[in-house]
Every structure is written in C-alpha cells, then in structure tokens.
PDB file of N, CA and C in Angstrom:
ATOM      1  N   MET A   1      -8.442   3.094 -15.327  1.00  0.00           N
ATOM      2  CA  MET A   1      -7.460   3.155 -14.264  1.00  0.00           C
ATOM      3  C   MET A   1      -7.089   1.736 -13.866  1.00  0.00           C
ATOM      4  N   ARG A   2      -5.878   1.604 -13.420  1.00  0.00           N
ATOM      5  CA  ARG A   2      -5.342   0.292 -13.082  1.00  0.00           C
ATOM      6  C   ARG A   2      -4.951   0.240 -11.618  1.00  0.00           C
ATOM      7  N   GLY A   3      -5.382  -0.803 -10.918  1.00  0.00           N
ATOM      8  CA  GLY A   3      -5.091  -0.946  -9.503  1.00  0.00           C
ATOM      9  C   GLY A   3      -4.114  -2.058  -9.217  1.00  0.00           C
ATOM     10  N   LEU A   4      -3.551  -2.002  -8.017  1.00  0.00           N
ATOM     11  CA  LEU A   4      -2.631  -3.026  -7.530  1.00  0.00           C
ATOM     12  C   LEU A   4      -2.804  -3.122  -6.022  1.00  0.00           C
ATOM     13  N   SER A   5      -2.978  -4.341  -5.522  1.00  0.00           N
ATOM     14  CA  SER A   5      -3.049  -4.578  -4.081  1.00  0.00           C
ATOM     15  C   SER A   5      -1.854  -5.411  -3.671  1.00  0.00           C
ATOM     16  N   VAL A   6      -1.241  -5.019  -2.562  1.00  0.00           N
ATOM     17  CA  VAL A   6      -0.127  -5.773  -1.990  1.00  0.00           C
ATOM     18  C   VAL A   6      -0.489  -6.028  -0.537  1.00  0.00           C
ATOM     19  N   ARG A   7      -0.572  -7.309  -0.156  1.00  0.00           N
ATOM     20  CA  ARG A   7      -1.023  -7.653   1.197  1.00  0.00           C
ATOM     21  C   ARG A   7      -0.037  -8.554   1.917  1.00  0.00           C
ATOM     22  N   TRP A   8       0.223  -8.167   3.160  1.00  0.00           N
ATOM     23  CA  TRP A   8       1.076  -8.941   4.062  1.00  0.00           C
ATOM     24  C   TRP A   8       0.216  -9.523   5.166  1.00  0.00           C
ATOM     25  N   SER A   9       0.569 -10.697   5.642  1.00  0.00           N
ATOM     26  CA  SER A   9      -0.103 -11.290   6.781  1.00  0.00           C
ATOM     27  C   SER A   9       0.450 -10.692   8.070  1.00  0.00           C
ATOM     28  N   LEU A  10      -0.432 -10.453   9.022  1.00  0.00           N
ATOM     29  CA  LEU A  10      -0.018 -10.032  10.353  1.00  0.00           C
ATOM     30  C   LEU A  10      -0.214 -11.165  11.367  1.00  0.00           C
ATOM     31  N   THR A  11      -0.649 -12.321  10.891  1.00  0.00           N
ATOM     32  CA  THR A  11      -0.802 -13.473  11.762  1.00  0.00           C
ATOM     33  C   THR A  11       0.573 -13.868  12.274  1.00  0.00           C
ATOM     34  N   GLY A  12       0.733 -13.901  13.558  1.00  0.00           N
ATOM     35  CA  GLY A  12       2.018 -14.258  14.144  1.00  0.00           C
ATOM     36  C   GLY A  12       2.998 -13.103  14.270  1.00  0.00           C
ATOM     37  N   ALA A  13       2.618 -11.933  13.787  1.00  0.00           N
ATOM     38  CA  ALA A  13       3.498 -10.759  13.921  1.00  0.00           C
ATOM     39  C   ALA A  13       3.479 -10.288  15.380  1.00  0.00           C
ATOM     40  N   GLY A  14       4.511  -9.588  15.776  1.00  0.00           N
ATOM     41  CA  GLY A  14       4.611  -9.105  17.150  1.00  0.00           C
ATOM     42  C   GLY A  14       3.487  -8.159  17.533  1.00  0.00           C
ATOM     43  N   ALA A  15       3.282  -8.027  18.824  1.00  0.00           N
ATOM     44  CA  ALA A  15       2.212  -7.184  19.352  1.00  0.00           C
ATOM     45  C   ALA A  15       2.372  -5.719  18.971  1.00  0.00           C
ATOM     46  N   ASP A  16       3.602  -5.275  18.742  1.00  0.00           N
ATOM     47  CA  ASP A  16       3.840  -3.869  18.405  1.00  0.00           C
ATOM     48  C   ASP A  16       3.891  -3.606  16.903  1.00  0.00           C
ATOM     49  N   THR A  17       3.617  -4.626  16.094  1.00  0.00           N
ATOM     50  CA  THR A  17       3.730  -4.480  14.636  1.00  0.00           C
ATOM     51  C   THR A  17       2.752  -3.458  14.082  1.00  0.00           C
ATOM     52  N   ALA A  18       1.517  -3.466  14.527  1.00  0.00           N
ATOM     53  CA  ALA A  18       0.512  -2.522  14.010  1.00  0.00           C
ATOM     54  C   ALA A  18       0.948  -1.084  14.264  1.00  0.00           C
ATOM     55  N   ASP A  19       1.441  -0.797  15.453  1.00  0.00           N
ATOM     56  CA  ASP A  19       1.913   0.560  15.749  1.00  0.00           C
ATOM     57  C   ASP A  19       3.139   0.903  14.911  1.00  0.00           C
ATOM     58  N   ALA A  20       4.031  -0.059  14.720  1.00  0.00           N
ATOM     59  CA  ALA A  20       5.217   0.176  13.891  1.00  0.00           C
ATOM     60  C   ALA A  20       4.810   0.486  12.451  1.00  0.00           C
ATOM     61  N   LEU A  21       3.801  -0.209  11.941  1.00  0.00           N
ATOM     62  CA  LEU A  21       3.319   0.054  10.580  1.00  0.00           C
ATOM     63  C   LEU A  21       2.689   1.439  10.477  1.00  0.00           C
ATOM     64  N   ARG A  22       1.898   1.823  11.470  1.00  0.00           N
ATOM     65  CA  ARG A  22       1.305   3.165  11.471  1.00  0.00           C
ATOM     66  C   ARG A  22       2.407   4.235  11.461  1.00  0.00           C
ATOM     67  N   ASP A  23       3.420   4.032  12.289  1.00  0.00           N
ATOM     68  CA  ASP A  23       4.531   4.986  12.346  1.00  0.00           C
ATOM     69  C   ASP A  23       5.272   5.038  11.019  1.00  0.00           C
ATOM     70  N   TYR A  24       5.521   3.880  10.415  1.00  0.00           N
ATOM     71  CA  TYR A  24       6.228   3.823   9.134  1.00  0.00           C
ATOM     72  C   TYR A  24       5.459   4.594   8.047  1.00  0.00           C
ATOM     73  N   VAL A  25       4.151   4.393   7.995  1.00  0.00           N
ATOM     74  CA  VAL A  25       3.343   5.109   6.998  1.00  0.00           C
ATOM     75  C   VAL A  25       3.426   6.608   7.253  1.00  0.00           C
ATOM     76  N   ALA A  26       3.249   7.023   8.499  1.00  0.00           N
ATOM     77  CA  ALA A  26       3.253   8.446   8.834  1.00  0.00           C
ATOM     78  C   ALA A  26       4.607   9.103   8.620  1.00  0.00           C
ATOM     79  N   GLU A  27       5.670   8.400   8.932  1.00  0.00           N
ATOM     80  CA  GLU A  27       7.003   9.000   8.916  1.00  0.00           C
ATOM     81  C   GLU A  27       7.772   8.822   7.608  1.00  0.00           C
ATOM     82  N   ALA A  28       7.388   7.849   6.777  1.00  0.00           N
ATOM     83  CA  ALA A  28       8.183   7.602   5.565  1.00  0.00           C
ATOM     84  C   ALA A  28       7.339   7.303   4.327  1.00  0.00           C
ATOM     85  N   SER A  29       6.442   6.334   4.422  1.00  0.00           N
ATOM     86  CA  SER A  29       5.761   5.854   3.226  1.00  0.00           C
ATOM     87  C   SER A  29       4.815   6.883   2.621  1.00  0.00           C
ATOM     88  N   HIS A  30       4.057   7.585   3.444  1.00  0.00           N
ATOM     89  CA  HIS A  30       3.116   8.582   2.924  1.00  0.00           C
ATOM     90  C   HIS A  30       3.846   9.613   2.060  1.00  0.00           C
ATOM     91  N   ALA A  31       4.950  10.126   2.543  1.00  0.00           N
ATOM     92  CA  ALA A  31       5.713  11.127   1.787  1.00  0.00           C
ATOM     93  C   ALA A  31       6.295  10.543   0.501  1.00  0.00           C
ATOM     94  N   LYS A  32       6.691   9.285   0.547  1.00  0.00           N
ATOM     95  CA  LYS A  32       7.280   8.632  -0.635  1.00  0.00           C
ATOM     96  C   LYS A  32       6.285   8.601  -1.799  1.00  0.00           C
ATOM     97  N   PHE A  33       5.014   8.373  -1.492  1.00  0.00           N
ATOM     98  CA  PHE A  33       4.022   8.212  -2.557  1.00  0.00           C
ATOM     99  C   PHE A  33       3.260   9.489  -2.888  1.00  0.00           C
ATOM    100  N   THR A  34       3.295  10.484  -2.022  1.00  0.00           N
ATOM    101  CA  THR A  34       2.629  11.744  -2.303  1.00  0.00           C
ATOM    102  C   THR A  34       3.321  12.423  -3.488  1.00  0.00           C
ATOM    103  N   GLY A  35       2.569  12.686  -4.533  1.00  0.00           N
ATOM    104  CA  GLY A  35       3.117  13.334  -5.715  1.00  0.00           C
ATOM    105  C   GLY A  35       3.821  12.408  -6.685  1.00  0.00           C
ATOM    106  N   MET A  36       3.758  11.089  -6.464  1.00  0.00           N
ATOM    107  CA  MET A  36       4.434  10.127  -7.342  1.00  0.00           C
ATOM    108  C   MET A  36       3.826  10.152  -8.740  1.00  0.00           C
ATOM    109  N   GLN A  37       4.670  10.287  -9.730  1.00  0.00           N
ATOM    110  CA  GLN A  37       4.226  10.334 -11.120  1.00  0.00           C
ATOM    111  C   GLN A  37       3.569   9.013 -11.515  1.00  0.00           C
ATOM    112  N   GLY A  38       2.433   9.087 -12.190  1.00  0.00           N
ATOM    113  CA  GLY A  38       1.722   7.915 -12.662  1.00  0.00           C
ATOM    114  C   GLY A  38       0.757   7.327 -11.641  1.00  0.00           C
ATOM    115  N   LEU A  39       0.849   7.760 -10.382  1.00  0.00           N
ATOM    116  CA  LEU A  39      -0.015   7.253  -9.317  1.00  0.00           C
ATOM    117  C   LEU A  39      -1.163   8.232  -9.086  1.00  0.00           C
ATOM    118  N   ARG A  40      -2.374   7.736  -9.120  1.00  0.00           N
ATOM    119  CA  ARG A  40      -3.529   8.590  -8.795  1.00  0.00           C
ATOM    120  C   ARG A  40      -3.670   8.690  -7.283  1.00  0.00           C
ATOM    121  N   PHE A  41      -3.634   7.548  -6.590  1.00  0.00           N
ATOM    122  CA  PHE A  41      -3.646   7.571  -5.128  1.00  0.00           C
ATOM    123  C   PHE A  41      -3.230   6.217  -4.582  1.00  0.00           C
ATOM    124  N   LYS A  42      -2.866   6.217  -3.308  1.00  0.00           N
ATOM    125  CA  LYS A  42      -2.549   4.998  -2.576  1.00  0.00           C
ATOM    126  C   LYS A  42      -3.285   5.046  -1.252  1.00  0.00           C
ATOM    127  N   THR A  43      -3.795   3.894  -0.852  1.00  0.00           N
ATOM    128  CA  THR A  43      -4.451   3.743   0.441  1.00  0.00           C
ATOM    129  C   THR A  43      -3.757   2.631   1.204  1.00  0.00           C
ATOM    130  N   TRP A  44      -3.497   2.868   2.466  1.00  0.00           N
ATOM    131  CA  TRP A  44      -2.927   1.847   3.352  1.00  0.00           C
ATOM    132  C   TRP A  44      -4.076   1.325   4.202  1.00  0.00           C
ATOM    133  N   ARG A  45      -4.263   0.009   4.208  1.00  0.00           N
ATOM    134  CA  ARG A  45      -5.358  -0.591   4.961  1.00  0.00           C
ATOM    135  C   ARG A  45      -4.800  -1.646   5.914  1.00  0.00           C
ATOM    136  N   MET A  46      -5.500  -1.837   7.038  1.00  0.00           N
ATOM    137  CA  MET A  46      -5.040  -2.833   7.993  1.00  0.00           C
ATOM    138  C   MET A  46      -6.215  -3.385   8.788  1.00  0.00           C
ATOM    139  N   ARG A  47      -6.150  -4.679   9.032  1.00  0.00           N
ATOM    140  CA  ARG A  47      -6.987  -5.346  10.031  1.00  0.00           C
ATOM    141  C   ARG A  47      -5.988  -5.881  11.043  1.00  0.00           C
ATOM    142  N   GLU A  48      -5.897  -5.171  12.153  1.00  0.00           N
ATOM    143  CA  GLU A  48      -4.884  -5.467  13.157  1.00  0.00           C
ATOM    144  C   GLU A  48      -4.914  -6.947  13.544  1.00  0.00           C
ATOM    145  N   GLY A  49      -3.736  -7.579  13.514  1.00  0.00           N
ATOM    146  CA  GLY A  49      -3.617  -8.996  13.827  1.00  0.00           C
ATOM    147  C   GLY A  49      -3.938  -9.919  12.668  1.00  0.00           C
ATOM    148  N   GLU A  50      -4.443  -9.358  11.555  1.00  0.00           N
ATOM    149  CA  GLU A  50      -4.823 -10.170  10.398  1.00  0.00           C
ATOM    150  C   GLU A  50      -3.977  -9.853   9.163  1.00  0.00           C
ATOM    151  N   TRP A  51      -4.064  -8.584   8.673  1.00  0.00           N
ATOM    152  CA  TRP A  51      -3.318  -8.232   7.469  1.00  0.00           C
ATOM    153  C   TRP A  51      -3.079  -6.732   7.372  1.00  0.00           C
ATOM    154  N   PHE A  52      -2.086  -6.385   6.538  1.00  0.00           N
ATOM    155  CA  PHE A  52      -1.750  -4.995   6.204  1.00  0.00           C
ATOM    156  C   PHE A  52      -1.660  -4.936   4.697  1.00  0.00           C
ATOM    157  N   GLU A  53      -2.209  -3.885   4.096  1.00  0.00           N
ATOM    158  CA  GLU A  53      -2.274  -3.826   2.635  1.00  0.00           C
ATOM    159  C   GLU A  53      -2.023  -2.426   2.104  1.00  0.00           C
ATOM    160  N   GLY A  54      -1.305  -2.364   1.009  1.00  0.00           N
ATOM    161  CA  GLY A  54      -1.184  -1.154   0.215  1.00  0.00           C
ATOM    162  C   GLY A  54      -2.046  -1.325  -1.017  1.00  0.00           C
ATOM    163  N   THR A  55      -2.948  -0.379  -1.268  1.00  0.00           N
ATOM    164  CA  THR A  55      -3.807  -0.411  -2.449  1.00  0.00           C
ATOM    165  C   THR A  55      -3.480   0.814  -3.287  1.00  0.00           C
ATOM    166  N   TYR A  56      -3.084   0.583  -4.516  1.00  0.00           N
ATOM    167  CA  TYR A  56      -2.618   1.632  -5.421  1.00  0.00           C
ATOM    168  C   TYR A  56      -3.568   1.759  -6.596  1.00  0.00           C
ATOM    169  N   VAL A  57      -3.776   2.977  -7.066  1.00  0.00           N
ATOM    170  CA  VAL A  57      -4.505   3.211  -8.307  1.00  0.00           C
ATOM    171  C   VAL A  57      -3.619   4.067  -9.198  1.00  0.00           C
ATOM    172  N   PHE A  58      -3.300   3.522 -10.354  1.00  0.00           N
ATOM    173  CA  PHE A  58      -2.403   4.175 -11.310  1.00  0.00           C
ATOM    174  C   PHE A  58      -3.187   4.755 -12.478  1.00  0.00           C
ATOM    175  N   ALA A  59      -2.631   5.771 -13.100  1.00  0.00           N
ATOM    176  CA  ALA A  59      -3.268   6.438 -14.238  1.00  0.00           C
ATOM    177  C   ALA A  59      -3.283   5.548 -15.476  1.00  0.00           C
ATOM    178  N   THR A  60      -2.253   4.711 -15.634  1.00  0.00           N
ATOM    179  CA  THR A  60      -2.135   3.889 -16.836  1.00  0.00           C
ATOM    180  C   THR A  60      -1.636   2.493 -16.491  1.00  0.00           C
ATOM    181  N   ALA A  61      -1.862   1.572 -17.404  1.00  0.00           N
ATOM    182  CA  ALA A  61      -1.341   0.208 -17.244  1.00  0.00           C
ATOM    183  C   ALA A  61       0.181   0.218 -17.224  1.00  0.00           C
ATOM    184  N   GLU A  62       0.781   1.110 -17.997  1.00  0.00           N
ATOM    185  CA  GLU A  62       2.247   1.198 -18.047  1.00  0.00           C
ATOM    186  C   GLU A  62       2.826   1.648 -16.712  1.00  0.00           C
ATOM    187  N   ALA A  63       2.178   2.623 -16.074  1.00  0.00           N
ATOM    188  CA  ALA A  63       2.649   3.099 -14.769  1.00  0.00           C
ATOM    189  C   ALA A  63       2.559   1.982 -13.734  1.00  0.00           C
ATOM    190  N   ARG A  64       1.456   1.240 -13.766  1.00  0.00           N
ATOM    191  CA  ARG A  64       1.316   0.120 -12.827  1.00  0.00           C
ATOM    192  C   ARG A  64       2.363  -0.941 -13.094  1.00  0.00           C
ATOM    193  N   ALA A  65       2.552  -1.313 -14.348  1.00  0.00           N
ATOM    194  CA  ALA A  65       3.514  -2.364 -14.694  1.00  0.00           C
ATOM    195  C   ALA A  65       4.926  -1.989 -14.268  1.00  0.00           C
ATOM    196  N   SER A  66       5.295  -0.744 -14.473  1.00  0.00           N
ATOM    197  CA  SER A  66       6.630  -0.287 -14.091  1.00  0.00           C
ATOM    198  C   SER A  66       6.816  -0.373 -12.573  1.00  0.00           C
ATOM    199  N   PHE A  67       5.837   0.124 -11.816  1.00  0.00           N
ATOM    200  CA  PHE A  67       5.922   0.056 -10.357  1.00  0.00           C
ATOM    201  C   PHE A  67       5.929  -1.393  -9.889  1.00  0.00           C
ATOM    202  N   GLN A  68       5.035  -2.200 -10.430  1.00  0.00           N
ATOM    203  CA  GLN A  68       4.906  -3.590  -9.997  1.00  0.00           C
ATOM    204  C   GLN A  68       6.192  -4.371 -10.240  1.00  0.00           C
ATOM    205  N   GLU A  69       6.822  -4.163 -11.368  1.00  0.00           N
ATOM    206  CA  GLU A  69       8.076  -4.864 -11.675  1.00  0.00           C
ATOM    207  C   GLU A  69       9.157  -4.519 -10.659  1.00  0.00           C
ATOM    208  N   THR A  70       9.320  -3.236 -10.390  1.00  0.00           N
ATOM    209  CA  THR A  70      10.342  -2.786  -9.437  1.00  0.00           C
ATOM    210  C   THR A  70      10.018  -3.269  -8.028  1.00  0.00           C
ATOM    211  N   PHE A  71       8.751  -3.116  -7.619  1.00  0.00           N
ATOM    212  CA  PHE A  71       8.360  -3.514  -6.264  1.00  0.00           C
ATOM    213  C   PHE A  71       8.518  -5.016  -6.066  1.00  0.00           C
ATOM    214  N   THR A  72       8.027  -5.805  -7.002  1.00  0.00           N
ATOM    215  CA  THR A  72       8.054  -7.260  -6.875  1.00  0.00           C
ATOM    216  C   THR A  72       9.481  -7.783  -6.730  1.00  0.00           C
ATOM    217  N   ALA A  73      10.408  -7.181  -7.458  1.00  0.00           N
ATOM    218  CA  ALA A  73      11.810  -7.629  -7.400  1.00  0.00           C
ATOM    219  C   ALA A  73      12.409  -7.471  -6.005  1.00  0.00           C
ATOM    220  N   ALA A  74      11.918  -6.503  -5.231  1.00  0.00           N
ATOM    221  CA  ALA A  74      12.475  -6.231  -3.902  1.00  0.00           C
ATOM    222  C   ALA A  74      11.476  -6.466  -2.776  1.00  0.00           C
ATOM    223  N   ALA A  75      10.336  -7.080  -3.071  1.00  0.00           N
ATOM    224  CA  ALA A  75       9.253  -7.212  -2.089  1.00  0.00           C
ATOM    225  C   ALA A  75       9.680  -7.933  -0.816  1.00  0.00           C
ATOM    226  N   ALA A  76      10.507  -8.949  -0.934  1.00  0.00           N
ATOM    227  CA  ALA A  76      10.891  -9.743   0.238  1.00  0.00           C
ATOM    228  C   ALA A  76      11.703  -8.943   1.249  1.00  0.00           C
ATOM    229  N   THR A  77      12.359  -7.875   0.786  1.00  0.00           N
ATOM    230  CA  THR A  77      13.181  -7.060   1.686  1.00  0.00           C
ATOM    231  C   THR A  77      12.611  -5.656   1.883  1.00  0.00           C
ATOM    232  N   ALA A  78      11.373  -5.437   1.435  1.00  0.00           N
ATOM    233  CA  ALA A  78      10.722  -4.138   1.624  1.00  0.00           C
ATOM    234  C   ALA A  78      10.566  -3.865   3.125  1.00  0.00           C
ATOM    235  N   PRO A  79      10.507  -2.598   3.522  1.00  0.00           N
ATOM    236  CA  PRO A  79      10.349  -2.280   4.943  1.00  0.00           C
ATOM    237  C   PRO A  79       9.169  -2.993   5.609  1.00  0.00           C
ATOM    238  N   VAL A  80       8.037  -3.076   4.929  1.00  0.00           N
ATOM    239  CA  VAL A  80       6.878  -3.740   5.529  1.00  0.00           C
ATOM    240  C   VAL A  80       7.143  -5.241   5.672  1.00  0.00           C
ATOM    241  N   SER A  81       7.828  -5.837   4.724  1.00  0.00           N
ATOM    242  CA  SER A  81       8.177  -7.259   4.844  1.00  0.00           C
ATOM    243  C   SER A  81       9.055  -7.496   6.059  1.00  0.00           C
ATOM    244  N   GLU A  82       9.979  -6.587   6.299  1.00  0.00           N
ATOM    245  CA  GLU A  82      10.844  -6.716   7.473  1.00  0.00           C
ATOM    246  C   GLU A  82      10.050  -6.547   8.766  1.00  0.00           C
ATOM    247  N   MET A  83       9.098  -5.620   8.783  1.00  0.00           N
ATOM    248  CA  MET A  83       8.293  -5.395   9.981  1.00  0.00           C
ATOM    249  C   MET A  83       7.330  -6.536  10.274  1.00  0.00           C
ATOM    250  N   THR A  84       6.782  -7.142   9.221  1.00  0.00           N
ATOM    251  CA  THR A  84       5.794  -8.210   9.402  1.00  0.00           C
ATOM    252  C   THR A  84       6.435  -9.582   9.501  1.00  0.00           C
ATOM    253  N   GLY A  85       7.691  -9.685   9.123  1.00  0.00           N
ATOM    254  CA  GLY A  85       8.388 -10.964   9.194  1.00  0.00           C
ATOM    255  C   GLY A  85       8.217 -11.846   7.975  1.00  0.00           C
ATOM    256  N   GLY A  86       7.757 -11.275   6.863  1.00  0.00           N
ATOM    257  CA  GLY A  86       7.598 -12.078   5.651  1.00  0.00           C
ATOM    258  C   GLY A  86       7.232 -11.243   4.451  1.00  0.00           C
ATOM    259  N   ALA A  87       7.437 -11.827   3.282  1.00  0.00           N
ATOM    260  CA  ALA A  87       7.093 -11.183   2.009  1.00  0.00           C
ATOM    261  C   ALA A  87       5.569 -11.075   1.883  1.00  0.00           C
ATOM    262  N   PRO A  88       5.084 -10.272   0.959  1.00  0.00           N
ATOM    263  CA  PRO A  88       3.632 -10.166   0.768  1.00  0.00           C
ATOM    264  C   PRO A  88       3.003 -11.523   0.445  1.00  0.00           C
ATOM    265  N   GLU A  89       1.797 -11.732   0.951  1.00  0.00           N
ATOM    266  CA  GLU A  89       1.037 -12.941   0.626  1.00  0.00           C
ATOM    267  C   GLU A  89       0.583 -12.922  -0.826  1.00  0.00           C
ATOM    268  N   PHE A  90       0.227 -11.731  -1.286  1.00  0.00           N
ATOM    269  CA  PHE A  90      -0.131 -11.609  -2.698  1.00  0.00           C
ATOM    270  C   PHE A  90       0.110 -10.204  -3.206  1.00  0.00           C
ATOM    271  N   ILE A  91       0.340 -10.141  -4.508  1.00  0.00           N
ATOM    272  CA  ILE A  91       0.443  -8.892  -5.255  1.00  0.00           C
ATOM    273  C   ILE A  91      -0.537  -9.082  -6.406  1.00  0.00           C
ATOM    274  N   GLU A  92      -1.618  -8.311  -6.387  1.00  0.00           N
ATOM    275  CA  GLU A  92      -2.733  -8.577  -7.289  1.00  0.00           C
ATOM    276  C   GLU A  92      -3.131  -7.340  -8.089  1.00  0.00           C
ATOM    277  N   GLU A  93      -3.204  -7.492  -9.396  1.00  0.00           N
ATOM    278  CA  GLU A  93      -3.672  -6.423 -10.285  1.00  0.00           C
ATOM    279  C   GLU A  93      -5.196  -6.429 -10.329  1.00  0.00           C
ATOM    280  N   PHE A  94      -5.784  -5.254 -10.554  1.00  0.00           N
ATOM    281  CA  PHE A  94      -7.225  -5.165 -10.756  1.00  0.00           C
ATOM    282  C   PHE A  94      -7.546  -3.928 -11.572  1.00  0.00           C
ATOM    283  N   GLU A  95      -8.748  -3.902 -12.108  1.00  0.00           N
ATOM    284  CA  GLU A  95      -9.242  -2.738 -12.845  1.00  0.00           C
ATOM    285  C   GLU A  95     -10.098  -1.889 -11.915  1.00  0.00           C
ATOM    286  N   VAL A  96      -9.910  -0.582 -11.958  1.00  0.00           N
ATOM    287  CA  VAL A  96     -10.769   0.338 -11.226  1.00  0.00           C
ATOM    288  C   VAL A  96     -11.835   0.796 -12.216  1.00  0.00           C
ATOM    289  N   VAL A  97     -13.058   0.413 -11.954  1.00  0.00           N
ATOM    290  CA  VAL A  97     -14.155   0.726 -12.865  1.00  0.00           C
ATOM    291  C   VAL A  97     -14.573   2.184 -12.726  1.00  0.00           C
ATOM    292  N   ALA A  98     -14.609   2.682 -11.487  1.00  0.00           N
ATOM    293  CA  ALA A  98     -15.014   4.068 -11.252  1.00  0.00           C
ATOM    294  C   ALA A  98     -14.613   4.478  -9.846  1.00  0.00           C
ATOM    295  N   ILE A  99     -14.496   5.776  -9.643  1.00  0.00           N
ATOM    296  CA  ILE A  99     -14.256   6.348  -8.325  1.00  0.00           C
ATOM    297  C   ILE A  99     -15.248   7.500  -8.162  1.00  0.00           C
ATOM    298  N   ALA A 100     -15.955   7.514  -7.058  1.00  0.00           N
ATOM    299  CA  ALA A 100     -16.861   8.619  -6.754  1.00  0.00           C
ATOM    300  C   ALA A 100     -16.313   9.367  -5.549  1.00  0.00           C
ATOM    301  N   GLU A 101     -16.194  10.667  -5.667  1.00  0.00           N
ATOM    302  CA  GLU A 101     -15.761  11.489  -4.546  1.00  0.00           C
ATOM    303  C   GLU A 101     -16.990  11.999  -3.819  1.00  0.00           C
ATOM    304  N   GLY A 102     -17.080  11.698  -2.550  1.00  0.00           N
ATOM    305  CA  GLY A 102     -18.235  12.111  -1.758  1.00  0.00           C
ATOM    306  C   GLY A 102     -18.202  13.582  -1.398  1.00  0.00           C
ATOM    307  N   TRP A 103     -19.255  14.032  -0.772  1.00  0.00           N
ATOM    308  CA  TRP A 103     -19.407  15.432  -0.382  1.00  0.00           C
ATOM    309  C   TRP A 103     -18.220  15.938   0.420  1.00  0.00           C
ATOM    310  N   ASP A 104     -17.717  15.111   1.330  1.00  0.00           N
ATOM    311  CA  ASP A 104     -16.619  15.527   2.203  1.00  0.00           C
ATOM    312  C   ASP A 104     -15.253  15.446   1.532  1.00  0.00           C
ATOM    313  N   GLY A 105     -15.195  14.923   0.322  1.00  0.00           N
ATOM    314  CA  GLY A 105     -13.950  14.915  -0.449  1.00  0.00           C
ATOM    315  C   GLY A 105     -12.900  13.963   0.108  1.00  0.00           C
ATOM    316  N   PHE A 106     -11.762  13.934  -0.572  1.00  0.00           N
ATOM    317  CA  PHE A 106     -10.645  13.104  -0.155  1.00  0.00           C
ATOM    318  C   PHE A 106      -9.769  13.890   0.814  1.00  0.00           C
ATOM    319  N   GLU A 107      -9.157  13.181   1.738  1.00  0.00           N
ATOM    320  CA  GLU A 107      -8.207  13.780   2.668  1.00  0.00           C
ATOM    321  C   GLU A 107      -6.911  13.023   2.574  1.00  0.00           C
ATOM    322  N   SER A 108      -5.826  13.719   2.317  1.00  0.00           N
ATOM    323  CA  SER A 108      -4.507  13.107   2.290  1.00  0.00           C
ATOM    324  C   SER A 108      -3.899  13.268   3.674  1.00  0.00           C
ATOM    325  N   SER A 109      -3.825  12.156   4.389  1.00  0.00           N
ATOM    326  CA  SER A 109      -3.370  12.215   5.763  1.00  0.00           C
ATOM    327  C   SER A 109      -2.589  10.967   6.127  1.00  0.00           C
ATOM    328  N   ALA A 110      -1.529  11.141   6.882  1.00  0.00           N
ATOM    329  CA  ALA A 110      -0.751  10.005   7.346  1.00  0.00           C
ATOM    330  C   ALA A 110      -1.234   9.518   8.703  1.00  0.00           C
ATOM    331  N   ARG A 111      -2.107  10.230   9.329  1.00  0.00           N
ATOM    332  CA  ARG A 111      -2.700   9.824  10.611  1.00  0.00           C
ATOM    333  C   ARG A 111      -4.199  10.020  10.516  1.00  0.00           C
ATOM    334  N   GLY A 112      -4.943   9.037  11.019  1.00  0.00           N
ATOM    335  CA  GLY A 112      -6.401   9.065  10.938  1.00  0.00           C
ATOM    336  C   GLY A 112      -6.976  10.130  11.785  1.00  0.00           C
TER     337      GLY A 112
END
C-alpha cells in the first residue's frame, strides 16, 4: 500500500481556522473521498494552532501517483490552502507496511 501525507501550517492562522477546517471536512471533504476509487482510506489530523494534515492510503502506486499529480498542481488554491492562508508545507509519499484493525473496528465519521 502506498501513502501520502499533505500538511499545512496553522501557525499564524486565524482563531476560527480549526473550526472552519472541522466544518469543511464534515460538510464537503469527507463525502468527496468516501468511496473514491483507488483510495483505501483517508484520515484528517490536526494539532490546533500547529498543523492540519490529510493522510491518504492508496491501493496502488499508480492510484497515489495519479492523485498526487492532480492535487499538487492545484495545491496552492485548494480549499484548505485558502482557509489556512498558504499552500501545504509538504506533500510526502510513504510506504504503508501494515494496518491492523482493532477489536472496535474502523469508524467512518466526519465528526468525532
């Protein structure tokens, strides 16, 4: 499996940015990625006041490369870039060695 991390800085972002990001994920982004072909799963992570990140796991290197090419070309004007006031700090590929599903299983949710 092939992973991709995209991280934006929240340093200097407005006080309401974290809530705006939560709303954006719940109202638009979660639905966009649910059922996406070639994507195994996506996780949205945040350390309020520090950073916001999308972490993707793709079924194949080709699926990741296709998404990464399209995303990178428009990253500076992506909705999250507009909300945070800047393009991603990094877009980083990685290998997923393994995934273990715990007893409680995975939950697909736009709100914690």
